[in-house]
Each structure stands twice: as structure tokens, then as C-alpha cells.
Amino acid sequence: MVAFHDVFRYAWDLGYRQVELETNNLEVSKIWYQLSDALAGNGFVCAVNELRNREWVVELRHIHRTQNAVADALAGWSRGSSPGVLEFGHPPSELEMLLQEDLLGTS
């Protein structure tokens, strides 16, 4: 939930008012659309609810883990790095096979 709060807050602070986000975490998707009472009263859930209720359009879609392999790999690859934006001129070699599988729809 912390990561979703940070992503939504960052998008809001940058001035984005229409955002699409995919997650392989079904419970987070249910919490966003208020279909679950899991973590009810949790500070981060309350903060995410406050962000959700702002004047913007946010679409959060649940996808299966296999459809999120590239994002999962990037997240794992960035663990331990300093916060901030990291740009690649070319994808890291570790991701090339995952990107090819994603392109072909075989992942």
C-alpha cells in the first residue's frame, strides 16, 4: 500500500490528472475500488483514499503476475538504489528476454 500511495502522490504532485496503473496485487485493486475492508483504518489506506477522492481520473487494473514480469524485474533490480527516476538508453540485458516475451505475448 505504501508504494501505491507514493506513486499516486508523485503523479498528483507532477500535475497528472489522468492516470492508468496496473498491479498484480488483487487486494490493492479491491481496496482502491472500495471492494475490500482489508486494512480498514490503516493510515496508508486512509491516505490513498484521500488521494483517490481528488479531482482526477485514476484507473487501476488488476493483471496477472505473468503479465507484470517486466515491471516486477525492474522493481527487483532497483531495490537498494536511491529513490528517484532512473532512465535507460537501452533496456538492461537482464530484461531483454522478458521484453521479447512480452512483445510476443508468450510471458
PDB file of N, CA and C in Angstrom:
ATOM      1  N   MET A   1       0.818  -1.190   0.000  1.00  0.00           N
ATOM      2  CA  MET A   1       0.000   0.000   0.000  1.00  0.00           C
ATOM      3  C   MET A   1       0.863   1.257   0.000  1.00  0.00           C
ATOM      4  N   VAL A   2       1.994   1.176   0.660  1.00  0.00           N
ATOM      5  CA  VAL A   2       2.886   2.334   0.721  1.00  0.00           C
ATOM      6  C   VAL A   2       3.344   2.731  -0.678  1.00  0.00           C
ATOM      7  N   ALA A   3       3.720   1.745  -1.481  1.00  0.00           N
ATOM      8  CA  ALA A   3       4.194   2.039  -2.836  1.00  0.00           C
ATOM      9  C   ALA A   3       3.098   2.680  -3.675  1.00  0.00           C
ATOM     10  N   PHE A   4       1.867   2.198  -3.547  1.00  0.00           N
ATOM     11  CA  PHE A   4       0.771   2.780  -4.315  1.00  0.00           C
ATOM     12  C   PHE A   4       0.500   4.213  -3.877  1.00  0.00           C
ATOM     13  N   HIS A   5       0.544   4.441  -2.586  1.00  0.00           N
ATOM     14  CA  HIS A   5       0.374   5.818  -2.100  1.00  0.00           C
ATOM     15  C   HIS A   5       1.443   6.718  -2.708  1.00  0.00           C
ATOM     16  N   ASP A   6       2.698   6.262  -2.675  1.00  0.00           N
ATOM     17  CA  ASP A   6       3.795   7.076  -3.197  1.00  0.00           C
ATOM     18  C   ASP A   6       3.645   7.347  -4.686  1.00  0.00           C
ATOM     19  N   VAL A   7       3.240   6.330  -5.456  1.00  0.00           N
ATOM     20  CA  VAL A   7       3.046   6.502  -6.900  1.00  0.00           C
ATOM     21  C   VAL A   7       1.934   7.506  -7.177  1.00  0.00           C
ATOM     22  N   PHE A   8       0.805   7.353  -6.498  1.00  0.00           N
ATOM     23  CA  PHE A   8      -0.313   8.269  -6.717  1.00  0.00           C
ATOM     24  C   PHE A   8       0.048   9.688  -6.281  1.00  0.00           C
ATOM     25  N   ARG A   9       0.720   9.820  -5.174  1.00  0.00           N
ATOM     26  CA  ARG A   9       1.106  11.144  -4.684  1.00  0.00           C
ATOM     27  C   ARG A   9       2.084  11.809  -5.652  1.00  0.00           C
ATOM     28  N   TYR A  10       3.036  11.034  -6.141  1.00  0.00           N
ATOM     29  CA  TYR A  10       4.023  11.551  -7.096  1.00  0.00           C
ATOM     30  C   TYR A  10       3.330  12.013  -8.379  1.00  0.00           C
ATOM     31  N   ALA A  11       2.396  11.204  -8.876  1.00  0.00           N
ATOM     32  CA  ALA A  11       1.657  11.572 -10.090  1.00  0.00           C
ATOM     33  C   ALA A  11       0.870  12.859  -9.863  1.00  0.00           C
ATOM     34  N   TRP A  12       0.209  12.959  -8.705  1.00  0.00           N
ATOM     35  CA  TRP A  12      -0.570  14.168  -8.386  1.00  0.00           C
ATOM     36  C   TRP A  12       0.351  15.384  -8.313  1.00  0.00           C
ATOM     37  N   ASP A  13       1.460  15.235  -7.593  1.00  0.00           N
ATOM     38  CA  ASP A  13       2.388  16.355  -7.421  1.00  0.00           C
ATOM     39  C   ASP A  13       2.996  16.818  -8.740  1.00  0.00           C
ATOM     40  N   LEU A  14       3.121  15.894  -9.710  1.00  0.00           N
ATOM     41  CA  LEU A  14       3.645  16.264 -11.020  1.00  0.00           C
ATOM     42  C   LEU A  14       2.583  16.888 -11.919  1.00  0.00           C
ATOM     43  N   GLY A  15       1.335  16.910 -11.444  1.00  0.00           N
ATOM     44  CA  GLY A  15       0.272  17.555 -12.206  1.00  0.00           C
ATOM     45  C   GLY A  15      -0.534  16.629 -13.089  1.00  0.00           C
ATOM     46  N   TYR A  16      -0.303  15.331 -13.000  1.00  0.00           N
ATOM     47  CA  TYR A  16      -1.090  14.392 -13.801  1.00  0.00           C
ATOM     48  C   TYR A  16      -2.501  14.318 -13.238  1.00  0.00           C
ATOM     49  N   ARG A  17      -3.503  14.375 -14.125  1.00  0.00           N
ATOM     50  CA  ARG A  17      -4.892  14.299 -13.680  1.00  0.00           C
ATOM     51  C   ARG A  17      -5.639  13.155 -14.351  1.00  0.00           C
ATOM     52  N   GLN A  18      -4.913  12.370 -15.114  1.00  0.00           N
ATOM     53  CA  GLN A  18      -5.461  11.149 -15.703  1.00  0.00           C
ATOM     54  C   GLN A  18      -4.340  10.117 -15.665  1.00  0.00           C
ATOM     55  N   VAL A  19      -4.550   9.043 -14.873  1.00  0.00           N
ATOM     56  CA  VAL A  19      -3.501   8.068 -14.618  1.00  0.00           C
ATOM     57  C   VAL A  19      -4.059   6.665 -14.795  1.00  0.00           C
ATOM     58  N   GLU A  20      -3.282   5.796 -15.430  1.00  0.00           N
ATOM     59  CA  GLU A  20      -3.610   4.377 -15.531  1.00  0.00           C
ATOM     60  C   GLU A  20      -2.484   3.613 -14.867  1.00  0.00           C
ATOM     61  N   LEU A  21      -2.859   2.659 -14.011  1.00  0.00           N
ATOM     62  CA  LEU A  21      -1.875   1.869 -13.293  1.00  0.00           C
ATOM     63  C   LEU A  21      -2.312   0.420 -13.287  1.00  0.00           C
ATOM     64  N   GLU A  22      -1.369  -0.475 -13.512  1.00  0.00           N
ATOM     65  CA  GLU A  22      -1.650  -1.908 -13.464  1.00  0.00           C
ATOM     66  C   GLU A  22      -0.930  -2.500 -12.264  1.00  0.00           C
ATOM     67  N   THR A  23      -1.582  -3.457 -11.615  1.00  0.00           N
ATOM     68  CA  THR A  23      -0.985  -4.138 -10.478  1.00  0.00           C
ATOM     69  C   THR A  23      -1.318  -5.618 -10.524  1.00  0.00           C
ATOM     70  N   ASN A  24      -0.392  -6.426 -10.042  1.00  0.00           N
ATOM     71  CA  ASN A  24      -0.699  -7.847  -9.927  1.00  0.00           C
ATOM     72  C   ASN A  24      -1.167  -8.168  -8.508  1.00  0.00           C
ATOM     73  N   ASN A  25      -1.403  -7.156  -7.696  1.00  0.00           N
ATOM     74  CA  ASN A  25      -1.894  -7.325  -6.330  1.00  0.00           C
ATOM     75  C   ASN A  25      -3.405  -7.108  -6.327  1.00  0.00           C
ATOM     76  N   LEU A  26      -4.152  -8.204  -6.325  1.00  0.00           N
ATOM     77  CA  LEU A  26      -5.607  -8.131  -6.386  1.00  0.00           C
ATOM     78  C   LEU A  26      -6.186  -7.395  -5.188  1.00  0.00           C
ATOM     79  N   GLU A  27      -5.620  -7.593  -4.013  1.00  0.00           N
ATOM     80  CA  GLU A  27      -6.158  -6.941  -2.813  1.00  0.00           C
ATOM     81  C   GLU A  27      -6.022  -5.428  -2.889  1.00  0.00           C
ATOM     82  N   VAL A  28      -4.913  -4.942  -3.413  1.00  0.00           N
ATOM     83  CA  VAL A  28      -4.735  -3.492  -3.582  1.00  0.00           C
ATOM     84  C   VAL A  28      -5.794  -2.942  -4.534  1.00  0.00           C
ATOM     85  N   SER A  29      -6.053  -3.671  -5.608  1.00  0.00           N
ATOM     86  CA  SER A  29      -7.083  -3.253  -6.555  1.00  0.00           C
ATOM     87  C   SER A  29      -8.449  -3.190  -5.876  1.00  0.00           C
ATOM     88  N   LYS A  30      -8.758  -4.190  -5.063  1.00  0.00           N
ATOM     89  CA  LYS A  30     -10.042  -4.207  -4.346  1.00  0.00           C
ATOM     90  C   LYS A  30     -10.135  -3.055  -3.340  1.00  0.00           C
ATOM     91  N   ILE A  31      -9.035  -2.788  -2.644  1.00  0.00           N
ATOM     92  CA  ILE A  31      -9.027  -1.672  -1.687  1.00  0.00           C
ATOM     93  C   ILE A  31      -9.247  -0.360  -2.417  1.00  0.00           C
ATOM     94  N   TRP A  32      -8.588  -0.168  -3.568  1.00  0.00           N
ATOM     95  CA  TRP A  32      -8.730   1.072  -4.335  1.00  0.00           C
ATOM     96  C   TRP A  32     -10.191   1.323  -4.715  1.00  0.00           C
ATOM     97  N   TYR A  33     -10.857   0.275  -5.164  1.00  0.00           N
ATOM     98  CA  TYR A  33     -12.246   0.415  -5.602  1.00  0.00           C
ATOM     99  C   TYR A  33     -13.242   0.176  -4.464  1.00  0.00           C
ATOM    100  N   GLN A  34     -12.740   0.170  -3.243  1.00  0.00           N
ATOM    101  CA  GLN A  34     -13.547   0.022  -2.032  1.00  0.00           C
ATOM    102  C   GLN A  34     -14.399  -1.248  -2.071  1.00  0.00           C
ATOM    103  N   LEU A  35     -13.810  -2.332  -2.544  1.00  0.00           N
ATOM    104  CA  LEU A  35     -14.472  -3.634  -2.598  1.00  0.00           C
ATOM    105  C   LEU A  35     -13.955  -4.558  -1.506  1.00  0.00           C
ATOM    106  N   SER A  36     -13.087  -4.036  -0.635  1.00  0.00           N
ATOM    107  CA  SER A  36     -12.498  -4.842   0.422  1.00  0.00           C
ATOM    108  C   SER A  36     -12.328  -3.987   1.671  1.00  0.00           C
ATOM    109  N   ASP A  37     -12.540  -4.612   2.819  1.00  0.00           N
ATOM    110  CA  ASP A  37     -12.305  -3.935   4.088  1.00  0.00           C
ATOM    111  C   ASP A  37     -10.929  -4.259   4.663  1.00  0.00           C
ATOM    112  N   ALA A  38     -10.131  -4.989   3.885  1.00  0.00           N
ATOM    113  CA  ALA A  38      -8.790  -5.326   4.351  1.00  0.00           C
ATOM    114  C   ALA A  38      -8.027  -4.042   4.660  1.00  0.00           C
ATOM    115  N   LEU A  39      -7.357  -4.035   5.756  1.00  0.00           N
ATOM    116  CA  LEU A  39      -6.555  -2.890   6.207  1.00  0.00           C
ATOM    117  C   LEU A  39      -7.397  -1.645   6.490  1.00  0.00           C
ATOM    118  N   ALA A  40      -8.707  -1.823   6.720  1.00  0.00           N
ATOM    119  CA  ALA A  40      -9.578  -0.682   7.031  1.00  0.00           C
ATOM    120  C   ALA A  40      -8.997   0.076   8.219  1.00  0.00           C
ATOM    121  N   GLY A  41      -8.925   1.374   8.111  1.00  0.00           N
ATOM    122  CA  GLY A  41      -8.390   2.205   9.175  1.00  0.00           C
ATOM    123  C   GLY A  41      -6.882   2.368   9.140  1.00  0.00           C
ATOM    124  N   ASN A  42      -6.194   1.614   8.299  1.00  0.00           N
ATOM    125  CA  ASN A  42      -4.748   1.737   8.150  1.00  0.00           C
ATOM    126  C   ASN A  42      -4.425   3.130   7.636  1.00  0.00           C
ATOM    127  N   GLY A  43      -3.379   3.732   8.180  1.00  0.00           N
ATOM    128  CA  GLY A  43      -3.017   5.095   7.810  1.00  0.00           C
ATOM    129  C   GLY A  43      -2.749   5.273   6.328  1.00  0.00           C
ATOM    130  N   PHE A  44      -2.058   4.312   5.715  1.00  0.00           N
ATOM    131  CA  PHE A  44      -1.773   4.430   4.289  1.00  0.00           C
ATOM    132  C   PHE A  44      -3.034   4.244   3.458  1.00  0.00           C
ATOM    133  N   VAL A  45      -3.924   3.352   3.885  1.00  0.00           N
ATOM    134  CA  VAL A  45      -5.184   3.174   3.164  1.00  0.00           C
ATOM    135  C   VAL A  45      -5.992   4.465   3.233  1.00  0.00           C
ATOM    136  N   CYS A  46      -6.036   5.097   4.395  1.00  0.00           N
ATOM    137  CA  CYS A  46      -6.740   6.377   4.530  1.00  0.00           C
ATOM    138  C   CYS A  46      -6.115   7.444   3.633  1.00  0.00           C
ATOM    139  N   ALA A  47      -4.785   7.477   3.561  1.00  0.00           N
ATOM    140  CA  ALA A  47      -4.097   8.449   2.703  1.00  0.00           C
ATOM    141  C   ALA A  47      -4.371   8.170   1.234  1.00  0.00           C
ATOM    142  N   VAL A  48      -4.397   6.896   0.843  1.00  0.00           N
ATOM    143  CA  VAL A  48      -4.719   6.539  -0.545  1.00  0.00           C
ATOM    144  C   VAL A  48      -6.161   6.923  -0.853  1.00  0.00           C
ATOM    145  N   ASN A  49      -7.064   6.693   0.091  1.00  0.00           N
ATOM    146  CA  ASN A  49      -8.466   7.089  -0.118  1.00  0.00           C
ATOM    147  C   ASN A  49      -8.585   8.591  -0.333  1.00  0.00           C
ATOM    148  N   GLU A  50      -7.805   9.361   0.414  1.00  0.00           N
ATOM    149  CA  GLU A  50      -7.826  10.815   0.240  1.00  0.00           C
ATOM    150  C   GLU A  50      -7.350  11.186  -1.159  1.00  0.00           C
ATOM    151  N   LEU A  51      -6.314  10.523  -1.639  1.00  0.00           N
ATOM    152  CA  LEU A  51      -5.825  10.786  -2.991  1.00  0.00           C
ATOM    153  C   LEU A  51      -6.853  10.368  -4.039  1.00  0.00           C
ATOM    154  N   ARG A  52      -7.494   9.215  -3.827  1.00  0.00           N
ATOM    155  CA  ARG A  52      -8.489   8.720  -4.779  1.00  0.00           C
ATOM    156  C   ARG A  52      -9.641   9.709  -4.939  1.00  0.00           C
ATOM    157  N   ASN A  53      -9.987  10.393  -3.876  1.00  0.00           N
ATOM    158  CA  ASN A  53     -11.140  11.292  -3.898  1.00  0.00           C
ATOM    159  C   ASN A  53     -10.836  12.678  -4.464  1.00  0.00           C
ATOM    160  N   ARG A  54      -9.635  12.899  -4.915  1.00  0.00           N
ATOM    161  CA  ARG A  54      -9.293  14.199  -5.520  1.00  0.00           C
ATOM    162  C   ARG A  54      -9.891  14.292  -6.918  1.00  0.00           C
ATOM    163  N   GLU A  55      -9.814  15.478  -7.487  1.00  0.00           N
ATOM    164  CA  GLU A  55     -10.383  15.738  -8.812  1.00  0.00           C
ATOM    165  C   GLU A  55      -9.441  15.256  -9.905  1.00  0.00           C
ATOM    166  N   TRP A  56      -9.480  13.942 -10.146  1.00  0.00           N
ATOM    167  CA  TRP A  56      -8.698  13.358 -11.218  1.00  0.00           C
ATOM    168  C   TRP A  56      -9.279  12.011 -11.583  1.00  0.00           C
ATOM    169  N   VAL A  57      -8.796  11.444 -12.654  1.00  0.00           N
ATOM    170  CA  VAL A  57      -9.268  10.147 -13.116  1.00  0.00           C
ATOM    171  C   VAL A  57      -8.114   9.159 -12.971  1.00  0.00           C
ATOM    172  N   VAL A  58      -8.341   8.128 -12.169  1.00  0.00           N
ATOM    173  CA  VAL A  58      -7.336   7.093 -11.975  1.00  0.00           C
ATOM    174  C   VAL A  58      -7.979   5.753 -12.286  1.00  0.00           C
ATOM    175  N   GLU A  59      -7.363   5.016 -13.183  1.00  0.00           N
ATOM    176  CA  GLU A  59      -7.835   3.673 -13.497  1.00  0.00           C
ATOM    177  C   GLU A  59      -6.772   2.695 -13.022  1.00  0.00           C
ATOM    178  N   LEU A  60      -7.167   1.837 -12.101  1.00  0.00           N
ATOM    179  CA  LEU A  60      -6.275   0.815 -11.573  1.00  0.00           C
ATOM    180  C   LEU A  60      -6.789  -0.528 -12.048  1.00  0.00           C
ATOM    181  N   ARG A  61      -5.939  -1.260 -12.754  1.00  0.00           N
ATOM    182  CA  ARG A  61      -6.342  -2.557 -13.298  1.00  0.00           C
ATOM    183  C   ARG A  61      -5.522  -3.674 -12.673  1.00  0.00           C
ATOM    184  N   HIS A  62      -6.218  -4.745 -12.333  1.00  0.00           N
ATOM    185  CA  HIS A  62      -5.523  -5.944 -11.852  1.00  0.00           C
ATOM    186  C   HIS A  62      -5.106  -6.766 -13.063  1.00  0.00           C
ATOM    187  N   ILE A  63      -3.860  -7.178 -13.073  1.00  0.00           N
ATOM    188  CA  ILE A  63      -3.351  -8.071 -14.110  1.00  0.00           C
ATOM    189  C   ILE A  63      -2.664  -9.239 -13.414  1.00  0.00           C
ATOM    190  N   HIS A  64      -2.504 -10.332 -14.134  1.00  0.00           N
ATOM    191  CA  HIS A  64      -1.845 -11.495 -13.554  1.00  0.00           C
ATOM    192  C   HIS A  64      -0.339 -11.268 -13.483  1.00  0.00           C
ATOM    193  N   ARG A  65       0.292 -11.936 -12.549  1.00  0.00           N
ATOM    194  CA  ARG A  65       1.734 -11.767 -12.319  1.00  0.00           C
ATOM    195  C   ARG A  65       2.541 -11.998 -13.598  1.00  0.00           C
ATOM    196  N   THR A  66       2.133 -12.970 -14.407  1.00  0.00           N
ATOM    197  CA  THR A  66       2.884 -13.251 -15.642  1.00  0.00           C
ATOM    198  C   THR A  66       2.841 -12.069 -16.598  1.00  0.00           C
ATOM    199  N   GLN A  67       1.788 -11.262 -16.536  1.00  0.00           N
ATOM    200  CA  GLN A  67       1.686 -10.085 -17.398  1.00  0.00           C
ATOM    201  C   GLN A  67       2.489  -8.916 -16.851  1.00  0.00           C
ATOM    202  N   ASN A  68       3.026  -9.066 -15.653  1.00  0.00           N
ATOM    203  CA  ASN A  68       3.725  -7.979 -14.992  1.00  0.00           C
ATOM    204  C   ASN A  68       5.206  -8.306 -14.791  1.00  0.00           C
ATOM    205  N   ALA A  69       5.722  -9.250 -15.550  1.00  0.00           N
ATOM    206  CA  ALA A  69       7.083  -9.740 -15.336  1.00  0.00           C
ATOM    207  C   ALA A  69       8.142  -8.648 -15.514  1.00  0.00           C
ATOM    208  N   VAL A  70       7.983  -7.787 -16.500  1.00  0.00           N
ATOM    209  CA  VAL A  70       8.977  -6.732 -16.739  1.00  0.00           C
ATOM    210  C   VAL A  70       8.979  -5.746 -15.574  1.00  0.00           C
ATOM    211  N   ALA A  71       7.797  -5.325 -15.138  1.00  0.00           N
ATOM    212  CA  ALA A  71       7.717  -4.389 -14.011  1.00  0.00           C
ATOM    213  C   ALA A  71       8.273  -5.024 -12.741  1.00  0.00           C
ATOM    214  N   ASP A  72       7.957  -6.300 -12.509  1.00  0.00           N
ATOM    215  CA  ASP A  72       8.493  -6.991 -11.334  1.00  0.00           C
ATOM    216  C   ASP A  72      10.016  -7.050 -11.385  1.00  0.00           C
ATOM    217  N   ALA A  73      10.554  -7.335 -12.560  1.00  0.00           N
ATOM    218  CA  ALA A  73      12.007  -7.407 -12.709  1.00  0.00           C
ATOM    219  C   ALA A  73      12.650  -6.040 -12.465  1.00  0.00           C
ATOM    220  N   LEU A  74      12.058  -4.990 -13.001  1.00  0.00           N
ATOM    221  CA  LEU A  74      12.588  -3.642 -12.779  1.00  0.00           C
ATOM    222  C   LEU A  74      12.538  -3.273 -11.305  1.00  0.00           C
ATOM    223  N   ALA A  75      11.424  -3.602 -10.641  1.00  0.00           N
ATOM    224  CA  ALA A  75      11.297  -3.300  -9.213  1.00  0.00           C
ATOM    225  C   ALA A  75      12.363  -4.039  -8.417  1.00  0.00           C
ATOM    226  N   GLY A  76      12.557  -5.314  -8.730  1.00  0.00           N
ATOM    227  CA  GLY A  76      13.581  -6.087  -8.037  1.00  0.00           C
ATOM    228  C   GLY A  76      14.982  -5.569  -8.324  1.00  0.00           C
ATOM    229  N   TRP A  77      15.197  -5.159  -9.546  1.00  0.00           N
ATOM    230  CA  TRP A  77      16.501  -4.667  -9.959  1.00  0.00           C
ATOM    231  C   TRP A  77      16.840  -3.352  -9.260  1.00  0.00           C
ATOM    232  N   SER A  78      15.823  -2.558  -8.949  1.00  0.00           N
ATOM    233  CA  SER A  78      16.059  -1.244  -8.355  1.00  0.00           C
ATOM    234  C   SER A  78      16.160  -1.268  -6.835  1.00  0.00           C
ATOM    235  N   ARG A  79      15.831  -2.411  -6.212  1.00  0.00           N
ATOM    236  CA  ARG A  79      15.917  -2.477  -4.743  1.00  0.00           C
ATOM    237  C   ARG A  79      17.329  -2.131  -4.301  1.00  0.00           C
ATOM    238  N   GLY A  80      17.397  -1.301  -3.294  1.00  0.00           N
ATOM    239  CA  GLY A  80      18.696  -0.891  -2.784  1.00  0.00           C
ATOM    240  C   GLY A  80      19.242   0.353  -3.461  1.00  0.00           C
ATOM    241  N   SER A  81      18.574   0.792  -4.527  1.00  0.00           N
ATOM    242  CA  SER A  81      19.001   2.017  -5.206  1.00  0.00           C
ATOM    243  C   SER A  81      18.426   3.229  -4.484  1.00  0.00           C
ATOM    244  N   SER A  82      19.007   4.355  -4.731  1.00  0.00           N
ATOM    245  CA  SER A  82      18.481   5.596  -4.175  1.00  0.00           C
ATOM    246  C   SER A  82      17.154   5.933  -4.838  1.00  0.00           C
ATOM    247  N   PRO A  83      16.227   6.549  -4.094  1.00  0.00           N
ATOM    248  CA  PRO A  83      14.957   6.961  -4.714  1.00  0.00           C
ATOM    249  C   PRO A  83      15.205   7.960  -5.839  1.00  0.00           C
ATOM    250  N   GLY A  84      14.327   7.962  -6.802  1.00  0.00           N
ATOM    251  CA  GLY A  84      14.435   8.896  -7.911  1.00  0.00           C
ATOM    252  C   GLY A  84      14.103   8.222  -9.223  1.00  0.00           C
ATOM    253  N   VAL A  85      14.296   8.945 -10.278  1.00  0.00           N
ATOM    254  CA  VAL A  85      13.994   8.447 -11.616  1.00  0.00           C
ATOM    255  C   VAL A  85      15.287   7.936 -12.235  1.00  0.00           C
ATOM    256  N   LEU A  86      15.199   6.750 -12.809  1.00  0.00           N
ATOM    257  CA  LEU A  86      16.345   6.159 -13.491  1.00  0.00           C
ATOM    258  C   LEU A  86      15.953   5.953 -14.946  1.00  0.00           C
ATOM    259  N   GLU A  87      16.707   6.526 -15.855  1.00  0.00           N
ATOM    260  CA  GLU A  87      16.410   6.403 -17.277  1.00  0.00           C
ATOM    261  C   GLU A  87      17.444   5.488 -17.930  1.00  0.00           C
ATOM    262  N   PHE A  88      16.952   4.690 -18.881  1.00  0.00           N
ATOM    263  CA  PHE A  88      17.823   3.780 -19.618  1.00  0.00           C
ATOM    264  C   PHE A  88      17.859   4.205 -21.083  1.00  0.00           C
ATOM    265  N   GLY A  89      19.042   4.256 -21.648  1.00  0.00           N
ATOM    266  CA  GLY A  89      19.158   4.463 -23.080  1.00  0.00           C
ATOM    267  C   GLY A  89      18.702   3.212 -23.821  1.00  0.00           C
ATOM    268  N   HIS A  90      19.000   2.076 -23.247  1.00  0.00           N
ATOM    269  CA  HIS A  90      18.598   0.761 -23.750  1.00  0.00           C
ATOM    270  C   HIS A  90      18.219  -0.072 -22.533  1.00  0.00           C
ATOM    271  N   PRO A  91      17.333  -1.027 -22.690  1.00  0.00           N
ATOM    272  CA  PRO A  91      16.959  -1.844 -21.530  1.00  0.00           C
ATOM    273  C   PRO A  91      18.155  -2.660 -21.026  1.00  0.00           C
ATOM    274  N   PRO A  92      18.207  -2.867 -19.714  1.00  0.00           N
ATOM    275  CA  PRO A  92      19.276  -3.722 -19.186  1.00  0.00           C
ATOM    276  C   PRO A  92      19.203  -5.105 -19.826  1.00  0.00           C
ATOM    277  N   SER A  93      20.352  -5.722 -20.045  1.00  0.00           N
ATOM    278  CA  SER A  93      20.388  -7.016 -20.731  1.00  0.00           C
ATOM    279  C   SER A  93      19.566  -8.063 -19.994  1.00  0.00           C
ATOM    280  N   GLU A  94      19.461  -7.941 -18.665  1.00  0.00           N
ATOM    281  CA  GLU A  94      18.679  -8.892 -17.879  1.00  0.00           C
ATOM    282  C   GLU A  94      17.193  -8.865 -18.246  1.00  0.00           C
ATOM    283  N   LEU A  95      16.745  -7.766 -18.835  1.00  0.00           N
ATOM    284  CA  LEU A  95      15.327  -7.616 -19.162  1.00  0.00           C
ATOM    285  C   LEU A  95      14.992  -7.923 -20.613  1.00  0.00           C
ATOM    286  N   GLU A  96      16.002  -8.080 -21.452  1.00  0.00           N
ATOM    287  CA  GLU A  96      15.743  -8.239 -22.882  1.00  0.00           C
ATOM    288  C   GLU A  96      14.860  -9.442 -23.193  1.00  0.00           C
ATOM    289  N   MET A  97      15.087 -10.578 -22.539  1.00  0.00           N
ATOM    290  CA  MET A  97      14.273 -11.761 -22.798  1.00  0.00           C
ATOM    291  C   MET A  97      12.829 -11.536 -22.334  1.00  0.00           C
ATOM    292  N   LEU A  98      12.665 -10.919 -21.163  1.00  0.00           N
ATOM    293  CA  LEU A  98      11.310 -10.632 -20.669  1.00  0.00           C
ATOM    294  C   LEU A  98      10.574  -9.678 -21.600  1.00  0.00           C
ATOM    295  N   LEU A  99      11.268  -8.676 -22.100  1.00  0.00           N
ATOM    296  CA  LEU A  99      10.644  -7.733 -23.034  1.00  0.00           C
ATOM    297  C   LEU A  99      10.243  -8.433 -24.329  1.00  0.00           C
ATOM    298  N   GLN A 100      11.105  -9.326 -24.831  1.00  0.00           N
ATOM    299  CA  GLN A 100      10.795 -10.076 -26.052  1.00  0.00           C
ATOM    300  C   GLN A 100       9.576 -10.961 -25.833  1.00  0.00           C
ATOM    301  N   GLU A 101       9.518 -11.648 -24.683  1.00  0.00           N
ATOM    302  CA  GLU A 101       8.355 -12.493 -24.361  1.00  0.00           C
ATOM    303  C   GLU A 101       7.084 -11.653 -24.251  1.00  0.00           C
ATOM    304  N   ASP A 102       7.218 -10.477 -23.654  1.00  0.00           N
ATOM    305  CA  ASP A 102       6.066  -9.579 -23.522  1.00  0.00           C
ATOM    306  C   ASP A 102       5.580  -9.131 -24.900  1.00  0.00           C
ATOM    307  N   LEU A 103       6.512  -8.774 -25.769  1.00  0.00           N
ATOM    308  CA  LEU A 103       6.182  -8.342 -27.116  1.00  0.00           C
ATOM    309  C   LEU A 103       5.466  -9.433 -27.896  1.00  0.00           C
ATOM    310  N   LEU A 104       5.919 -10.676 -27.722  1.00  0.00           N
ATOM    311  CA  LEU A 104       5.324 -11.805 -28.434  1.00  0.00           C
ATOM    312  C   LEU A 104       4.077 -12.349 -27.746  1.00  0.00           C
ATOM    313  N   GLY A 105       3.824 -11.889 -26.544  1.00  0.00           N
ATOM    314  CA  GLY A 105       2.662 -12.381 -25.796  1.00  0.00           C
ATOM    315  C   GLY A 105       2.856 -13.781 -25.262  1.00  0.00           C
ATOM    316  N   THR A 106       4.117 -14.173 -25.046  1.00  0.00           N
ATOM    317  CA  THR A 106       4.383 -15.535 -24.571  1.00  0.00           C
ATOM    318  C   THR A 106       4.717 -15.588 -23.089  1.00  0.00           C
ATOM    319  N   SER A 107       4.744 -14.454 -22.423  1.00  0.00           N
ATOM    320  CA  SER A 107       5.093 -14.470 -20.992  1.00  0.00           C
ATOM    321  C   SER A 107       3.883 -14.812 -20.155  1.00  0.00           C
TER     322      SER A 107
END
